[in-house]
Amino acid sequence: MFNREEAEKKFLDIVAENRRGLWMATLPYKLGIVTAVTVATVSIPMIFEINTVLWFNELYVTSGKFIFITNIK
């Protein structure tokens, strides 16, 4: 039978062992969150800043062949 001090020490050992691989196990979730925040942050100029929109449109969407956004001043 354990007394309180021994039980508390054993409990803390169990908690430490359980958390040992926790960082690696949650790494995919953390990478997903970082990726989502980065993409969301970078996409804001793609919507609200006309020069960025036109640059992206010409470079990646139409490859300079067609421009869908015209007469914007």
PDB file of N, CA and C in Angstrom:
ATOM      1  N   MET A   1       0.840  -1.185   0.000  1.00  0.00           N
ATOM      2  CA  MET A   1       0.000   0.000   0.000  1.00  0.00           C
ATOM      3  C   MET A   1       0.881   1.244   0.000  1.00  0.00           C
ATOM      4  N   PHE A   2       0.479   2.230  -0.801  1.00  0.00           N
ATOM      5  CA  PHE A   2       1.235   3.475  -0.913  1.00  0.00           C
ATOM      6  C   PHE A   2       0.709   4.509   0.057  1.00  0.00           C
ATOM      7  N   ASN A   3       1.612   5.314   0.569  1.00  0.00           N
ATOM      8  CA  ASN A   3       1.136   6.479   1.305  1.00  0.00           C
ATOM      9  C   ASN A   3       0.972   7.625   0.301  1.00  0.00           C
ATOM     10  N   ARG A   4       0.534   8.758   0.741  1.00  0.00           N
ATOM     11  CA  ARG A   4       0.212   9.873  -0.157  1.00  0.00           C
ATOM     12  C   ARG A   4       1.426  10.348  -0.953  1.00  0.00           C
ATOM     13  N   GLU A   5       2.564  10.497  -0.315  1.00  0.00           N
ATOM     14  CA  GLU A   5       3.764  10.998  -0.996  1.00  0.00           C
ATOM     15  C   GLU A   5       4.230  10.037  -2.092  1.00  0.00           C
ATOM     16  N   GLU A   6       4.217   8.751  -1.800  1.00  0.00           N
ATOM     17  CA  GLU A   6       4.630   7.768  -2.795  1.00  0.00           C
ATOM     18  C   GLU A   6       3.640   7.711  -3.956  1.00  0.00           C
ATOM     19  N   ALA A   7       2.348   7.807  -3.642  1.00  0.00           N
ATOM     20  CA  ALA A   7       1.316   7.779  -4.680  1.00  0.00           C
ATOM     21  C   ALA A   7       1.416   9.012  -5.578  1.00  0.00           C
ATOM     22  N   GLU A   8       1.680  10.161  -4.971  1.00  0.00           N
ATOM     23  CA  GLU A   8       1.820  11.387  -5.757  1.00  0.00           C
ATOM     24  C   GLU A   8       3.038  11.312  -6.676  1.00  0.00           C
ATOM     25  N   LYS A   9       4.148  10.792  -6.180  1.00  0.00           N
ATOM     26  CA  LYS A   9       5.345  10.628  -7.001  1.00  0.00           C
ATOM     27  C   LYS A   9       5.071   9.663  -8.153  1.00  0.00           C
ATOM     28  N   LYS A  10       4.413   8.557  -7.869  1.00  0.00           N
ATOM     29  CA  LYS A  10       4.084   7.583  -8.907  1.00  0.00           C
ATOM     30  C   LYS A  10       3.149   8.207  -9.946  1.00  0.00           C
ATOM     31  N   PHE A  11       2.171   8.979  -9.488  1.00  0.00           N
ATOM     32  CA  PHE A  11       1.242   9.654 -10.389  1.00  0.00           C
ATOM     33  C   PHE A  11       1.980  10.618 -11.312  1.00  0.00           C
ATOM     34  N   LEU A  12       2.904  11.402 -10.772  1.00  0.00           N
ATOM     35  CA  LEU A  12       3.674  12.343 -11.579  1.00  0.00           C
ATOM     36  C   LEU A  12       4.572  11.621 -12.580  1.00  0.00           C
ATOM     37  N   ASP A  13       5.091  10.465 -12.197  1.00  0.00           N
ATOM     38  CA  ASP A  13       5.877   9.655 -13.136  1.00  0.00           C
ATOM     39  C   ASP A  13       5.005   9.168 -14.290  1.00  0.00           C
ATOM     40  N   ILE A  14       3.792   8.751 -13.979  1.00  0.00           N
ATOM     41  CA  ILE A  14       2.858   8.278 -15.007  1.00  0.00           C
ATOM     42  C   ILE A  14       2.486   9.423 -15.950  1.00  0.00           C
ATOM     43  N   VAL A  15       2.217  10.593 -15.394  1.00  0.00           N
ATOM     44  CA  VAL A  15       1.875  11.762 -16.219  1.00  0.00           C
ATOM     45  C   VAL A  15       3.035  12.119 -17.136  1.00  0.00           C
ATOM     46  N   ALA A  16       4.254  12.107 -16.603  1.00  0.00           N
ATOM     47  CA  ALA A  16       5.435  12.429 -17.421  1.00  0.00           C
ATOM     48  C   ALA A  16       5.605  11.412 -18.548  1.00  0.00           C
ATOM     49  N   GLU A  17       5.402  10.155 -18.258  1.00  0.00           N
ATOM     50  CA  GLU A  17       5.537   9.115 -19.281  1.00  0.00           C
ATOM     51  C   GLU A  17       4.458   9.251 -20.361  1.00  0.00           C
ATOM     52  N   ASN A  18       3.251   9.609 -19.954  1.00  0.00           N
ATOM     53  CA  ASN A  18       2.164   9.789 -20.914  1.00  0.00           C
ATOM     54  C   ASN A  18       2.415  10.959 -21.851  1.00  0.00           C
ATOM     55  N   ARG A  19       3.062  11.993 -21.358  1.00  0.00           N
ATOM     56  CA  ARG A  19       3.310  13.187 -22.166  1.00  0.00           C
ATOM     57  C   ARG A  19       4.611  13.121 -22.956  1.00  0.00           C
ATOM     58  N   ARG A  20       5.338  12.040 -22.806  1.00  0.00           N
ATOM     59  CA  ARG A  20       6.643  11.933 -23.438  1.00  0.00           C
ATOM     60  C   ARG A  20       6.594  12.064 -24.960  1.00  0.00           C
ATOM     61  N   GLY A  21       5.687  11.431 -25.628  1.00  0.00           N
ATOM     62  CA  GLY A  21       5.586  11.502 -27.083  1.00  0.00           C
ATOM     63  C   GLY A  21       4.473  12.406 -27.571  1.00  0.00           C
ATOM     64  N   LEU A  22       3.907  13.180 -26.669  1.00  0.00           N
ATOM     65  CA  LEU A  22       2.752  14.004 -27.017  1.00  0.00           C
ATOM     66  C   LEU A  22       3.080  15.052 -28.071  1.00  0.00           C
ATOM     67  N   TRP A  23       4.260  15.667 -28.003  1.00  0.00           N
ATOM     68  CA  TRP A  23       4.612  16.715 -28.949  1.00  0.00           C
ATOM     69  C   TRP A  23       4.642  16.147 -30.371  1.00  0.00           C
ATOM     70  N   MET A  24       5.261  14.998 -30.524  1.00  0.00           N
ATOM     71  CA  MET A  24       5.358  14.381 -31.847  1.00  0.00           C
ATOM     72  C   MET A  24       3.984  13.903 -32.328  1.00  0.00           C
ATOM     73  N   ALA A  25       3.157  13.434 -31.427  1.00  0.00           N
ATOM     74  CA  ALA A  25       1.832  12.951 -31.808  1.00  0.00           C
ATOM     75  C   ALA A  25       0.929  14.094 -32.269  1.00  0.00           C
ATOM     76  N   THR A  26       1.118  15.289 -31.732  1.00  0.00           N
ATOM     77  CA  THR A  26       0.282  16.432 -32.106  1.00  0.00           C
ATOM     78  C   THR A  26       0.909  17.288 -33.201  1.00  0.00           C
ATOM     79  N   LEU A  27       2.089  16.906 -33.686  1.00  0.00           N
ATOM     80  CA  LEU A  27       2.769  17.691 -34.717  1.00  0.00           C
ATOM     81  C   LEU A  27       1.928  17.885 -35.982  1.00  0.00           C
ATOM     82  N   PRO A  28       1.254  16.880 -36.514  1.00  0.00           N
ATOM     83  CA  PRO A  28       0.434  17.117 -37.720  1.00  0.00           C
ATOM     84  C   PRO A  28      -0.662  18.167 -37.512  1.00  0.00           C
ATOM     85  N   TYR A  29      -1.259  18.179 -36.338  1.00  0.00           N
ATOM     86  CA  TYR A  29      -2.290  19.176 -36.051  1.00  0.00           C
ATOM     87  C   TYR A  29      -1.683  20.572 -35.997  1.00  0.00           C
ATOM     88  N   LYS A  30      -0.522  20.687 -35.366  1.00  0.00           N
ATOM     89  CA  LYS A  30       0.150  21.984 -35.265  1.00  0.00           C
ATOM     90  C   LYS A  30       0.566  22.484 -36.639  1.00  0.00           C
ATOM     91  N   LEU A  31       1.095  21.606 -37.480  1.00  0.00           N
ATOM     92  CA  LEU A  31       1.468  21.999 -38.841  1.00  0.00           C
ATOM     93  C   LEU A  31       0.247  22.432 -39.642  1.00  0.00           C
ATOM     94  N   GLY A  32      -0.865  21.742 -39.455  1.00  0.00           N
ATOM     95  CA  GLY A  32      -2.095  22.117 -40.145  1.00  0.00           C
ATOM     96  C   GLY A  32      -2.587  23.491 -39.736  1.00  0.00           C
ATOM     97  N   ILE A  33      -2.517  23.789 -38.468  1.00  0.00           N
ATOM     98  CA  ILE A  33      -2.956  25.097 -37.977  1.00  0.00           C
ATOM     99  C   ILE A  33      -2.055  26.198 -38.517  1.00  0.00           C
ATOM    100  N   VAL A  34      -0.744  25.985 -38.469  1.00  0.00           N
ATOM    101  CA  VAL A  34       0.203  26.984 -38.983  1.00  0.00           C
ATOM    102  C   VAL A  34      -0.012  27.196 -40.482  1.00  0.00           C
ATOM    103  N   THR A  35      -0.211  26.129 -41.224  1.00  0.00           N
ATOM    104  CA  THR A  35      -0.442  26.241 -42.660  1.00  0.00           C
ATOM    105  C   THR A  35      -1.728  27.003 -42.949  1.00  0.00           C
ATOM    106  N   ALA A  36      -2.792  26.700 -42.233  1.00  0.00           N
ATOM    107  CA  ALA A  36      -4.077  27.375 -42.453  1.00  0.00           C
ATOM    108  C   ALA A  36      -3.981  28.865 -42.155  1.00  0.00           C
ATOM    109  N   VAL A  37      -3.322  29.228 -41.070  1.00  0.00           N
ATOM    110  CA  VAL A  37      -3.177  30.649 -40.717  1.00  0.00           C
ATOM    111  C   VAL A  37      -2.316  31.366 -41.750  1.00  0.00           C
ATOM    112  N   THR A  38      -1.251  30.720 -42.199  1.00  0.00           N
ATOM    113  CA  THR A  38      -0.380  31.332 -43.206  1.00  0.00           C
ATOM    114  C   THR A  38      -1.118  31.557 -44.518  1.00  0.00           C
ATOM    115  N   VAL A  39      -1.825  30.553 -44.985  1.00  0.00           N
ATOM    116  CA  VAL A  39      -2.572  30.677 -46.240  1.00  0.00           C
ATOM    117  C   VAL A  39      -3.655  31.738 -46.117  1.00  0.00           C
ATOM    118  N   ALA A  40      -4.345  31.779 -45.005  1.00  0.00           N
ATOM    119  CA  ALA A  40      -5.389  32.786 -44.813  1.00  0.00           C
ATOM    120  C   ALA A  40      -4.796  34.191 -44.811  1.00  0.00           C
ATOM    121  N   THR A  41      -3.650  34.361 -44.178  1.00  0.00           N
ATOM    122  CA  THR A  41      -3.004  35.672 -44.113  1.00  0.00           C
ATOM    123  C   THR A  41      -2.515  36.111 -45.489  1.00  0.00           C
ATOM    124  N   VAL A  42      -1.932  35.203 -46.230  1.00  0.00           N
ATOM    125  CA  VAL A  42      -1.401  35.536 -47.549  1.00  0.00           C
ATOM    126  C   VAL A  42      -2.523  35.776 -48.556  1.00  0.00           C
ATOM    127  N   SER A  43      -3.669  35.161 -48.365  1.00  0.00           N
ATOM    128  CA  SER A  43      -4.750  35.304 -49.338  1.00  0.00           C
ATOM    129  C   SER A  43      -5.478  36.652 -49.239  1.00  0.00           C
ATOM    130  N   ILE A  44      -5.338  37.362 -48.143  1.00  0.00           N
ATOM    131  CA  ILE A  44      -6.039  38.645 -47.992  1.00  0.00           C
ATOM    132  C   ILE A  44      -5.634  39.638 -49.082  1.00  0.00           C
ATOM    133  N   PRO A  45      -4.333  39.836 -49.375  1.00  0.00           N
ATOM    134  CA  PRO A  45      -3.998  40.745 -50.480  1.00  0.00           C
ATOM    135  C   PRO A  45      -4.490  40.249 -51.840  1.00  0.00           C
ATOM    136  N   MET A  46      -4.670  38.939 -51.993  1.00  0.00           N
ATOM    137  CA  MET A  46      -5.156  38.401 -53.254  1.00  0.00           C
ATOM    138  C   MET A  46      -6.607  38.807 -53.521  1.00  0.00           C
ATOM    139  N   ILE A  47      -7.276  39.263 -52.495  1.00  0.00           N
ATOM    140  CA  ILE A  47      -8.683  39.654 -52.638  1.00  0.00           C
ATOM    141  C   ILE A  47      -8.844  41.172 -52.663  1.00  0.00           C
ATOM    142  N   PHE A  48      -8.113  41.882 -51.801  1.00  0.00           N
ATOM    143  CA  PHE A  48      -8.394  43.289 -51.563  1.00  0.00           C
ATOM    144  C   PHE A  48      -7.382  44.270 -52.164  1.00  0.00           C
ATOM    145  N   GLU A  49      -6.290  43.801 -52.731  1.00  0.00           N
ATOM    146  CA  GLU A  49      -5.290  44.716 -53.276  1.00  0.00           C
ATOM    147  C   GLU A  49      -5.192  44.477 -54.778  1.00  0.00           C
ATOM    148  N   ILE A  50      -5.601  45.465 -55.561  1.00  0.00           N
ATOM    149  CA  ILE A  50      -5.786  45.281 -56.992  1.00  0.00           C
ATOM    150  C   ILE A  50      -4.484  44.951 -57.727  1.00  0.00           C
ATOM    151  N   ASN A  51      -3.379  45.551 -57.357  1.00  0.00           N
ATOM    152  CA  ASN A  51      -2.117  45.260 -58.044  1.00  0.00           C
ATOM    153  C   ASN A  51      -1.698  43.805 -57.833  1.00  0.00           C
ATOM    154  N   THR A  52      -1.890  43.305 -56.625  1.00  0.00           N
ATOM    155  CA  THR A  52      -1.583  41.904 -56.352  1.00  0.00           C
ATOM    156  C   THR A  52      -2.517  40.988 -57.123  1.00  0.00           C
ATOM    157  N   VAL A  53      -3.781  41.355 -57.202  1.00  0.00           N
ATOM    158  CA  VAL A  53      -4.755  40.552 -57.950  1.00  0.00           C
ATOM    159  C   VAL A  53      -4.369  40.475 -59.424  1.00  0.00           C
ATOM    160  N   LEU A  54      -4.035  41.622 -60.003  1.00  0.00           N
ATOM    161  CA  LEU A  54      -3.671  41.635 -61.417  1.00  0.00           C
ATOM    162  C   LEU A  54      -2.379  40.861 -61.673  1.00  0.00           C
ATOM    163  N   TRP A  55      -1.409  41.014 -60.774  1.00  0.00           N
ATOM    164  CA  TRP A  55      -0.147  40.277 -60.917  1.00  0.00           C
ATOM    165  C   TRP A  55      -0.392  38.774 -60.859  1.00  0.00           C
ATOM    166  N   PHE A  56      -1.151  38.332 -59.869  1.00  0.00           N
ATOM    167  CA  PHE A  56      -1.430  36.905 -59.720  1.00  0.00           C
ATOM    168  C   PHE A  56      -2.234  36.384 -60.918  1.00  0.00           C
ATOM    169  N   ASN A  57      -3.207  37.178 -61.351  1.00  0.00           N
ATOM    170  CA  ASN A  57      -4.034  36.775 -62.487  1.00  0.00           C
ATOM    171  C   ASN A  57      -3.178  36.573 -63.735  1.00  0.00           C
ATOM    172  N   GLU A  58      -2.307  37.517 -64.020  1.00  0.00           N
ATOM    173  CA  GLU A  58      -1.495  37.405 -65.226  1.00  0.00           C
ATOM    174  C   GLU A  58      -0.467  36.286 -65.116  1.00  0.00           C
ATOM    175  N   LEU A  59       0.124  36.131 -63.958  1.00  0.00           N
ATOM    176  CA  LEU A  59       1.198  35.162 -63.807  1.00  0.00           C
ATOM    177  C   LEU A  59       0.703  33.723 -63.691  1.00  0.00           C
ATOM    178  N   TYR A  60      -0.389  33.499 -62.950  1.00  0.00           N
ATOM    179  CA  TYR A  60      -0.808  32.137 -62.643  1.00  0.00           C
ATOM    180  C   TYR A  60      -2.132  31.712 -63.277  1.00  0.00           C
ATOM    181  N   VAL A  61      -3.027  32.641 -63.517  1.00  0.00           N
ATOM    182  CA  VAL A  61      -4.356  32.260 -63.998  1.00  0.00           C
ATOM    183  C   VAL A  61      -4.406  32.286 -65.527  1.00  0.00           C
ATOM    184  N   THR A  62      -4.049  33.399 -66.110  1.00  0.00           N
ATOM    185  CA  THR A  62      -4.203  33.543 -67.556  1.00  0.00           C
ATOM    186  C   THR A  62      -2.895  33.444 -68.317  1.00  0.00           C
ATOM    187  N   SER A  63      -1.790  33.437 -67.633  1.00  0.00           N
ATOM    188  CA  SER A  63      -0.464  33.367 -68.252  1.00  0.00           C
ATOM    189  C   SER A  63      -0.265  34.452 -69.298  1.00  0.00           C
ATOM    190  N   GLY A  64      -0.903  35.599 -69.103  1.00  0.00           N
ATOM    191  CA  GLY A  64      -0.726  36.724 -70.002  1.00  0.00           C
ATOM    192  C   GLY A  64      -1.558  36.647 -71.266  1.00  0.00           C
ATOM    193  N   LYS A  65      -2.316  35.598 -71.465  1.00  0.00           N
ATOM    194  CA  LYS A  65      -3.106  35.463 -72.685  1.00  0.00           C
ATOM    195  C   LYS A  65      -4.432  36.224 -72.594  1.00  0.00           C
ATOM    196  N   PHE A  66      -5.078  36.162 -71.453  1.00  0.00           N
ATOM    197  CA  PHE A  66      -6.359  36.831 -71.274  1.00  0.00           C
ATOM    198  C   PHE A  66      -6.334  37.589 -69.952  1.00  0.00           C
ATOM    199  N   ILE A  67      -6.966  38.726 -69.939  1.00  0.00           N
ATOM    200  CA  ILE A  67      -7.118  39.468 -68.684  1.00  0.00           C
ATOM    201  C   ILE A  67      -8.609  39.685 -68.470  1.00  0.00           C
ATOM    202  N   PHE A  68      -9.114  39.110 -67.388  1.00  0.00           N
ATOM    203  CA  PHE A  68     -10.540  39.205 -67.095  1.00  0.00           C
ATOM    204  C   PHE A  68     -10.907  40.514 -66.426  1.00  0.00           C
ATOM    205  N   ILE A  69      -9.977  41.102 -65.725  1.00  0.00           N
ATOM    206  CA  ILE A  69     -10.247  42.365 -65.036  1.00  0.00           C
ATOM    207  C   ILE A  69      -9.714  43.485 -65.915  1.00  0.00           C
ATOM    208  N   THR A  70     -10.609  44.309 -66.436  1.00  0.00           N
ATOM    209  CA  THR A  70     -10.191  45.392 -67.332  1.00  0.00           C
ATOM    210  C   THR A  70     -10.791  46.703 -66.873  1.00  0.00           C
ATOM    211  N   ASN A  71     -10.182  47.764 -67.292  1.00  0.00           N
ATOM    212  CA  ASN A  71     -10.655  49.124 -67.034  1.00  0.00           C
ATOM    213  C   ASN A  71     -10.783  49.432 -65.555  1.00  0.00           C
ATOM    214  N   ILE A  72      -9.867  48.954 -64.754  1.00  0.00           N
ATOM    215  CA  ILE A  72      -9.873  49.286 -63.325  1.00  0.00           C
ATOM    216  C   ILE A  72      -8.804  50.329 -63.105  1.00  0.00           C
ATOM    217  N   LYS A  73      -9.180  51.420 -62.506  1.00  0.00           N
ATOM    218  CA  LYS A  73      -8.242  52.523 -62.289  1.00  0.00           C
ATOM    219  C   LYS A  73      -7.955  52.708 -60.834  1.00  0.00           C
TER     220      LYS A  73
END
